[in-house]
N, C-alpha and C. Protein backbone atom coordinates (compact mmCIF):
# COMPACT_ATOMS: atom_id res chain seq x y z
N MET A 1 22.91 21.73 3.05
CA MET A 1 22.03 21.21 2.01
C MET A 1 20.73 20.72 2.64
N LYS A 2 19.60 21.13 2.09
CA LYS A 2 18.30 20.72 2.60
C LYS A 2 17.97 19.31 2.10
N PRO A 3 17.28 18.52 2.93
CA PRO A 3 16.86 17.19 2.46
C PRO A 3 15.76 17.34 1.40
N PRO A 4 15.56 16.30 0.58
CA PRO A 4 14.51 16.34 -0.44
C PRO A 4 13.12 16.53 0.16
N GLY A 5 12.17 16.91 -0.65
CA GLY A 5 10.81 17.22 -0.22
C GLY A 5 10.13 16.19 0.66
N PRO A 6 10.05 14.91 0.24
CA PRO A 6 9.39 13.92 1.09
C PRO A 6 10.08 13.76 2.44
N SER A 7 11.39 13.85 2.46
CA SER A 7 12.11 13.72 3.72
C SER A 7 11.80 14.88 4.65
N ARG A 8 11.72 16.06 4.11
CA ARG A 8 11.40 17.24 4.91
C ARG A 8 9.98 17.12 5.46
N PHE A 9 9.06 16.66 4.64
CA PHE A 9 7.67 16.48 5.07
C PHE A 9 7.59 15.43 6.17
N LEU A 10 8.31 14.31 5.99
CA LEU A 10 8.29 13.24 6.97
C LEU A 10 8.88 13.69 8.30
N SER A 11 9.98 14.42 8.24
CA SER A 11 10.61 14.86 9.48
C SER A 11 9.76 15.90 10.21
N ALA A 12 8.94 16.63 9.49
CA ALA A 12 8.07 17.62 10.12
C ALA A 12 6.89 16.93 10.83
N LEU A 13 6.45 15.78 10.35
CA LEU A 13 5.30 15.10 10.92
C LEU A 13 5.65 14.13 12.04
N LEU A 14 6.80 13.48 11.94
CA LEU A 14 7.16 12.44 12.90
C LEU A 14 8.23 12.94 13.85
N PHE A 15 8.05 12.63 15.11
CA PHE A 15 9.00 13.03 16.14
C PHE A 15 10.20 12.09 16.16
N ASP A 16 11.37 12.64 16.23
CA ASP A 16 12.62 11.89 16.37
C ASP A 16 12.89 10.96 15.19
N VAL A 17 12.58 11.40 13.97
CA VAL A 17 12.88 10.64 12.77
C VAL A 17 13.82 11.49 11.92
N ALA A 18 14.94 10.91 11.58
CA ALA A 18 15.90 11.62 10.73
C ALA A 18 15.35 11.72 9.31
N PRO A 19 15.69 12.78 8.60
CA PRO A 19 15.19 12.93 7.23
C PRO A 19 15.64 11.83 6.28
N THR A 20 16.72 11.14 6.61
CA THR A 20 17.21 10.07 5.74
C THR A 20 17.19 8.73 6.45
N ASP A 21 16.21 8.48 7.30
CA ASP A 21 16.10 7.24 8.07
C ASP A 21 15.68 6.10 7.16
N PRO A 22 16.58 5.15 6.86
CA PRO A 22 16.23 4.07 5.92
C PRO A 22 15.20 3.09 6.49
N VAL A 23 15.16 2.93 7.80
CA VAL A 23 14.20 2.00 8.40
C VAL A 23 12.78 2.53 8.20
N THR A 24 12.58 3.82 8.37
CA THR A 24 11.26 4.40 8.18
C THR A 24 10.80 4.26 6.73
N TYR A 25 11.69 4.60 5.80
CA TYR A 25 11.32 4.48 4.39
C TYR A 25 11.08 3.02 3.99
N GLY A 26 11.88 2.10 4.53
CA GLY A 26 11.67 0.68 4.25
C GLY A 26 10.35 0.18 4.81
N GLY A 27 10.02 0.63 6.03
CA GLY A 27 8.75 0.23 6.63
C GLY A 27 7.55 0.74 5.86
N VAL A 28 7.63 1.98 5.40
CA VAL A 28 6.54 2.54 4.60
C VAL A 28 6.41 1.81 3.27
N ALA A 29 7.54 1.49 2.65
CA ALA A 29 7.50 0.75 1.38
C ALA A 29 6.90 -0.64 1.58
N ALA A 30 7.26 -1.30 2.67
CA ALA A 30 6.71 -2.63 2.95
C ALA A 30 5.21 -2.56 3.23
N LEU A 31 4.79 -1.55 3.96
CA LEU A 31 3.37 -1.38 4.25
C LEU A 31 2.57 -1.13 2.97
N LEU A 32 3.08 -0.29 2.09
CA LEU A 32 2.39 -0.02 0.82
C LEU A 32 2.37 -1.24 -0.08
N ALA A 33 3.44 -2.01 -0.09
CA ALA A 33 3.48 -3.24 -0.89
C ALA A 33 2.48 -4.26 -0.37
N ALA A 34 2.38 -4.39 0.95
CA ALA A 34 1.41 -5.32 1.53
C ALA A 34 -0.01 -4.89 1.21
N ALA A 35 -0.29 -3.61 1.30
CA ALA A 35 -1.63 -3.12 0.96
C ALA A 35 -1.93 -3.34 -0.51
N GLY A 36 -0.93 -3.19 -1.37
CA GLY A 36 -1.12 -3.42 -2.80
C GLY A 36 -1.37 -4.87 -3.15
N LEU A 37 -0.86 -5.78 -2.32
CA LEU A 37 -1.09 -7.20 -2.57
C LEU A 37 -2.41 -7.69 -1.99
N VAL A 38 -2.80 -7.15 -0.85
CA VAL A 38 -4.03 -7.60 -0.19
C VAL A 38 -5.27 -7.00 -0.85
N ALA A 39 -5.18 -5.77 -1.32
CA ALA A 39 -6.36 -5.10 -1.89
C ALA A 39 -7.00 -5.86 -3.05
N PRO A 40 -6.27 -6.36 -4.02
CA PRO A 40 -6.94 -7.11 -5.10
C PRO A 40 -7.28 -8.55 -4.71
N TYR A 41 -6.64 -9.08 -3.67
CA TYR A 41 -6.88 -10.47 -3.28
C TYR A 41 -8.29 -10.66 -2.73
N LEU A 42 -8.74 -9.74 -1.92
CA LEU A 42 -10.05 -9.92 -1.28
C LEU A 42 -11.21 -9.96 -2.29
N PRO A 43 -11.32 -9.04 -3.23
CA PRO A 43 -12.41 -9.17 -4.22
C PRO A 43 -12.24 -10.38 -5.14
N ALA A 44 -11.00 -10.73 -5.46
CA ALA A 44 -10.78 -11.89 -6.34
C ALA A 44 -11.21 -13.17 -5.66
N ARG A 45 -10.96 -13.28 -4.36
CA ARG A 45 -11.38 -14.48 -3.63
C ARG A 45 -12.90 -14.61 -3.62
N ARG A 46 -13.60 -13.49 -3.48
CA ARG A 46 -15.06 -13.52 -3.49
C ARG A 46 -15.58 -13.84 -4.89
N ALA A 47 -14.91 -13.35 -5.92
CA ALA A 47 -15.36 -13.59 -7.30
C ALA A 47 -15.18 -15.06 -7.70
N LEU A 48 -14.25 -15.76 -7.07
CA LEU A 48 -14.04 -17.16 -7.41
C LEU A 48 -15.19 -18.05 -6.96
N ARG A 49 -16.01 -17.58 -6.04
CA ARG A 49 -17.14 -18.37 -5.55
C ARG A 49 -18.33 -18.35 -6.52
N ILE A 50 -18.35 -17.43 -7.47
CA ILE A 50 -19.48 -17.28 -8.39
C ILE A 50 -19.28 -18.18 -9.60
N ASP A 51 -20.33 -18.89 -9.97
CA ASP A 51 -20.30 -19.73 -11.15
C ASP A 51 -20.31 -18.84 -12.40
N PRO A 52 -19.36 -19.02 -13.33
CA PRO A 52 -19.31 -18.14 -14.51
C PRO A 52 -20.58 -18.21 -15.37
N LYS A 53 -21.23 -19.36 -15.45
CA LYS A 53 -22.46 -19.47 -16.23
C LYS A 53 -23.57 -18.59 -15.65
N VAL A 54 -23.65 -18.58 -14.35
CA VAL A 54 -24.69 -17.76 -13.70
C VAL A 54 -24.37 -16.29 -13.88
N ALA A 55 -23.12 -15.91 -13.78
CA ALA A 55 -22.74 -14.52 -13.95
C ALA A 55 -23.01 -14.03 -15.36
N LEU A 56 -22.74 -14.86 -16.36
CA LEU A 56 -22.99 -14.47 -17.74
C LEU A 56 -24.48 -14.49 -18.07
N ALA A 57 -25.25 -15.35 -17.45
CA ALA A 57 -26.67 -15.40 -17.72
C ALA A 57 -27.38 -14.17 -17.19
N VAL A 58 -26.87 -13.59 -16.14
CA VAL A 58 -27.49 -12.39 -15.57
C VAL A 58 -27.28 -11.20 -16.48
N GLU A 59 -26.12 -11.14 -17.11
CA GLU A 59 -25.82 -10.01 -18.01
C GLU A 59 -26.46 -10.26 -19.32
């Protein structure tokens, strides 16, 4: 039985990684989750420094 598509793709790109390696899939999931949490945080932190009255007056 052939492994599913993403597993086949992953095993073709990475050396010495089993197609069903749970540590690799867990690491990728954690990395994507961290990127998803950090990406909106940075612009939101910068937007908090702006006074809403000034922002609305410009528009």
